């Protein structure tokens, strides 16, 4: 019984973490894109540099949910907490 509760709560925590990571990445991506568009509107000659910097930033921002997916997979399929019970 206790092992089932631990597994259920671990799964719930993994999915909540995934949701928060996706939300944070979406907000970060939108801010990076908005600032790039704002910078391009102010200085059109810097559009190429701003675009490259935006792509690098978005790539780094998107690494957080990918890492969270790996953590969630570990928690769901190779649960280290369930081995305690």
N, C-alpha and C. Protein backbone atom coordinates (compact mmCIF):
# COMPACT_ATOMS: atom_id res chain seq x y z
N UNK A 1 0.82 -1.20 0.00
CA UNK A 1 0.00 0.00 0.00
C UNK A 1 0.87 1.27 0.00
N UNK A 2 1.90 1.30 0.86
CA UNK A 2 2.76 2.47 0.92
C UNK A 2 3.53 2.67 -0.38
N UNK A 3 3.94 1.56 -1.00
CA UNK A 3 4.68 1.66 -2.25
C UNK A 3 3.80 2.25 -3.36
N UNK A 4 2.52 1.89 -3.37
CA UNK A 4 1.60 2.43 -4.38
C UNK A 4 1.42 3.93 -4.20
N UNK A 5 1.36 4.38 -2.95
CA UNK A 5 1.21 5.82 -2.69
C UNK A 5 2.47 6.56 -3.12
N UNK A 6 3.65 5.98 -2.83
CA UNK A 6 4.91 6.61 -3.23
C UNK A 6 4.99 6.71 -4.75
N UNK A 7 4.61 5.65 -5.44
CA UNK A 7 4.66 5.66 -6.90
C UNK A 7 3.67 6.69 -7.47
N UNK A 8 2.48 6.75 -6.89
CA UNK A 8 1.47 7.71 -7.37
C UNK A 8 1.92 9.15 -7.14
N UNK A 9 2.46 9.43 -5.96
CA UNK A 9 2.91 10.79 -5.68
C UNK A 9 4.14 11.18 -6.50
N UNK A 10 5.01 10.20 -6.77
CA UNK A 10 6.16 10.48 -7.62
C UNK A 10 5.72 10.82 -9.04
N UNK A 11 4.77 10.06 -9.56
CA UNK A 11 4.23 10.36 -10.89
C UNK A 11 3.55 11.71 -10.94
N UNK A 12 2.79 12.02 -9.90
CA UNK A 12 2.13 13.32 -9.84
C UNK A 12 3.16 14.46 -9.80
N UNK A 13 4.21 14.29 -9.00
CA UNK A 13 5.26 15.31 -8.93
C UNK A 13 5.98 15.46 -10.25
N UNK A 14 6.22 14.33 -10.95
CA UNK A 14 6.90 14.39 -12.24
C UNK A 14 6.05 15.16 -13.26
N UNK A 15 4.75 14.91 -13.27
CA UNK A 15 3.90 15.58 -14.25
C UNK A 15 3.67 17.05 -13.91
N UNK A 16 3.63 17.37 -12.63
CA UNK A 16 3.53 18.79 -12.25
C UNK A 16 4.82 19.51 -12.66
N UNK A 17 5.96 18.86 -12.43
CA UNK A 17 7.23 19.45 -12.84
C UNK A 17 7.31 19.66 -14.34
N UNK A 18 6.80 18.69 -15.10
CA UNK A 18 6.78 18.84 -16.56
C UNK A 18 5.92 20.03 -16.98
N UNK A 19 4.77 20.16 -16.35
CA UNK A 19 3.88 21.27 -16.69
C UNK A 19 4.51 22.63 -16.37
N UNK A 20 5.16 22.72 -15.22
CA UNK A 20 5.80 23.98 -14.85
C UNK A 20 7.00 24.29 -15.75
N UNK A 21 7.75 23.26 -16.12
CA UNK A 21 8.88 23.47 -17.02
C UNK A 21 8.40 23.94 -18.39
N UNK A 22 7.32 23.35 -18.87
CA UNK A 22 6.77 23.76 -20.17
C UNK A 22 6.24 25.19 -20.10
N UNK A 23 5.58 25.53 -19.01
CA UNK A 23 5.06 26.89 -18.84
C UNK A 23 6.21 27.90 -18.79
N UNK A 24 7.24 27.58 -18.03
CA UNK A 24 8.38 28.48 -17.93
C UNK A 24 9.09 28.66 -19.27
N UNK A 25 9.22 27.57 -20.02
CA UNK A 25 9.86 27.66 -21.34
C UNK A 25 9.01 28.48 -22.30
N UNK A 26 7.72 28.31 -22.24
CA UNK A 26 6.84 29.08 -23.12
C UNK A 26 6.94 30.58 -22.82
N UNK A 27 6.96 30.92 -21.53
CA UNK A 27 7.08 32.33 -21.16
C UNK A 27 8.45 32.89 -21.55
N UNK A 28 9.49 32.11 -21.33
CA UNK A 28 10.84 32.56 -21.70
C UNK A 28 11.01 32.73 -23.20
N UNK A 29 10.48 31.77 -23.97
CA UNK A 29 10.56 31.87 -25.43
C UNK A 29 9.82 33.09 -25.94
N UNK A 30 8.63 33.34 -25.38
CA UNK A 30 7.85 34.48 -25.86
C UNK A 30 8.53 35.80 -25.52
N UNK A 31 9.15 35.87 -24.34
CA UNK A 31 9.87 37.10 -23.98
C UNK A 31 11.08 37.32 -24.88
N UNK A 32 11.82 36.25 -25.16
CA UNK A 32 13.00 36.38 -26.02
C UNK A 32 12.59 36.83 -27.42
N UNK A 33 11.53 36.25 -27.95
CA UNK A 33 11.07 36.64 -29.28
C UNK A 33 10.54 38.07 -29.29
N UNK A 34 9.83 38.45 -28.25
CA UNK A 34 9.29 39.82 -28.19
C UNK A 34 10.41 40.85 -28.13
N UNK A 35 11.43 40.56 -27.34
CA UNK A 35 12.54 41.52 -27.24
C UNK A 35 13.35 41.58 -28.54
N UNK A 36 13.46 40.44 -29.23
CA UNK A 36 14.16 40.45 -30.51
C UNK A 36 13.37 41.30 -31.53
N UNK A 37 12.07 41.14 -31.55
CA UNK A 37 11.26 41.95 -32.48
C UNK A 37 11.33 43.43 -32.12
N UNK A 38 11.34 43.72 -30.83
CA UNK A 38 11.45 45.11 -30.39
C UNK A 38 12.80 45.71 -30.79
N UNK A 39 13.86 44.92 -30.62
CA UNK A 39 15.19 45.39 -31.02
C UNK A 39 15.30 45.57 -32.53
N UNK A 40 14.68 44.68 -33.28
CA UNK A 40 14.71 44.79 -34.74
C UNK A 40 13.92 46.01 -35.21
N UNK A 41 12.84 46.32 -34.51
CA UNK A 41 12.06 47.51 -34.88
C UNK A 41 12.85 48.79 -34.61
N UNK A 42 13.65 48.77 -33.55
CA UNK A 42 14.43 49.97 -33.21
C UNK A 42 15.66 50.13 -34.09
N UNK A 43 16.34 48.99 -34.37
CA UNK A 43 17.55 49.03 -35.20
C UNK A 43 17.49 47.91 -36.23
N UNK A 44 16.90 48.18 -37.38
CA UNK A 44 16.75 47.13 -38.40
C UNK A 44 18.07 46.56 -38.90
N UNK A 45 19.15 47.34 -38.84
CA UNK A 45 20.44 46.84 -39.33
C UNK A 45 21.03 45.76 -38.41
N UNK A 46 20.52 45.61 -37.19
CA UNK A 46 21.00 44.60 -36.24
C UNK A 46 20.14 43.33 -36.27
N UNK A 47 19.24 43.22 -37.24
CA UNK A 47 18.29 42.11 -37.25
C UNK A 47 18.98 40.76 -37.31
N UNK A 48 20.03 40.63 -38.10
CA UNK A 48 20.73 39.35 -38.22
C UNK A 48 21.37 38.91 -36.92
N UNK A 49 22.08 39.82 -36.26
CA UNK A 49 22.72 39.50 -34.97
C UNK A 49 21.68 39.19 -33.90
N UNK A 50 20.62 39.98 -33.88
CA UNK A 50 19.58 39.75 -32.88
C UNK A 50 18.89 38.40 -33.10
N UNK A 51 18.68 38.04 -34.35
CA UNK A 51 18.03 36.77 -34.66
C UNK A 51 18.89 35.59 -34.20
N UNK A 52 20.18 35.67 -34.46
CA UNK A 52 21.09 34.59 -34.04
C UNK A 52 21.13 34.49 -32.52
N UNK A 53 21.22 35.62 -31.85
CA UNK A 53 21.21 35.61 -30.38
C UNK A 53 19.89 35.08 -29.83
N UNK A 54 18.78 35.41 -30.49
CA UNK A 54 17.49 34.90 -30.05
C UNK A 54 17.43 33.38 -30.20
N UNK A 55 17.93 32.85 -31.31
CA UNK A 55 17.91 31.40 -31.50
C UNK A 55 18.76 30.69 -30.45
N UNK A 56 19.91 31.24 -30.12
CA UNK A 56 20.75 30.65 -29.08
C UNK A 56 20.02 30.70 -27.74
N UNK A 57 19.41 31.82 -27.43
CA UNK A 57 18.68 31.97 -26.17
C UNK A 57 17.52 30.99 -26.08
N UNK A 58 16.76 30.88 -27.14
CA UNK A 58 15.62 29.96 -27.13
C UNK A 58 16.10 28.52 -27.01
N UNK A 59 17.21 28.19 -27.64
CA UNK A 59 17.76 26.84 -27.49
C UNK A 59 18.15 26.54 -26.05
N UNK A 60 18.75 27.51 -25.38
CA UNK A 60 19.11 27.33 -23.97
C UNK A 60 17.88 27.25 -23.09
N UNK A 61 16.88 28.05 -23.40
CA UNK A 61 15.63 28.03 -22.62
C UNK A 61 14.93 26.68 -22.79
N UNK A 62 14.94 26.15 -24.00
CA UNK A 62 14.27 24.88 -24.26
C UNK A 62 14.98 23.68 -23.66
N UNK A 63 16.24 23.86 -23.23
CA UNK A 63 16.94 22.73 -22.61
C UNK A 63 16.35 22.39 -21.25
N UNK A 64 15.74 23.34 -20.57
CA UNK A 64 15.17 23.09 -19.24
C UNK A 64 14.02 22.07 -19.30
N UNK A 65 13.02 22.22 -20.20
CA UNK A 65 11.99 21.19 -20.25
C UNK A 65 12.51 19.83 -20.72
N UNK A 66 13.54 19.83 -21.57
CA UNK A 66 14.10 18.56 -22.02
C UNK A 66 14.75 17.83 -20.84
N UNK A 67 15.46 18.58 -20.00
CA UNK A 67 16.05 17.98 -18.81
C UNK A 67 14.96 17.48 -17.88
N UNK A 68 13.86 18.23 -17.76
CA UNK A 68 12.75 17.81 -16.90
C UNK A 68 12.08 16.55 -17.44
N UNK A 69 12.02 16.40 -18.76
CA UNK A 69 11.47 15.17 -19.33
C UNK A 69 12.32 13.97 -18.94
N UNK A 70 13.63 14.15 -18.96
CA UNK A 70 14.53 13.05 -18.56
C UNK A 70 14.33 12.72 -17.09
N UNK A 71 14.22 13.73 -16.24
CA UNK A 71 13.99 13.50 -14.82
C UNK A 71 12.64 12.80 -14.60
N UNK A 72 11.61 13.22 -15.33
CA UNK A 72 10.30 12.60 -15.19
C UNK A 72 10.32 11.14 -15.64
N UNK A 73 11.04 10.84 -16.71
CA UNK A 73 11.14 9.45 -17.17
C UNK A 73 11.84 8.60 -16.12
N UNK A 74 12.89 9.15 -15.52
CA UNK A 74 13.59 8.41 -14.46
C UNK A 74 12.67 8.19 -13.28
N UNK A 75 11.91 9.20 -12.89
CA UNK A 75 11.02 9.06 -11.74
C UNK A 75 9.88 8.08 -12.01
N UNK A 76 9.39 8.05 -13.22
CA UNK A 76 8.26 7.17 -13.52
C UNK A 76 8.70 5.74 -13.75
N UNK A 77 9.77 5.53 -14.51
CA UNK A 77 10.13 4.16 -14.90
C UNK A 77 11.21 3.52 -14.03
N UNK A 78 12.10 4.32 -13.46
CA UNK A 78 13.15 3.77 -12.60
C UNK A 78 13.10 4.50 -11.27
N UNK A 79 11.96 4.41 -10.60
CA UNK A 79 11.68 5.19 -9.42
C UNK A 79 12.63 4.86 -8.28
N UNK A 80 13.50 5.80 -7.90
CA UNK A 80 14.43 5.52 -6.80
C UNK A 80 13.75 5.51 -5.43
N UNK A 81 12.59 6.16 -5.32
CA UNK A 81 11.89 6.22 -4.05
C UNK A 81 11.12 4.94 -3.75
N UNK A 82 10.69 4.25 -4.79
CA UNK A 82 9.91 3.01 -4.58
C UNK A 82 10.80 1.89 -4.06
N UNK A 83 12.10 1.97 -4.30
CA UNK A 83 13.02 0.92 -3.85
C UNK A 83 13.17 0.95 -2.32
N UNK A 84 12.81 2.06 -1.70
CA UNK A 84 12.94 2.17 -0.24
C UNK A 84 11.91 1.33 0.50
N UNK A 85 10.78 1.05 -0.14
CA UNK A 85 9.70 0.33 0.54
C UNK A 85 9.62 -1.10 0.10
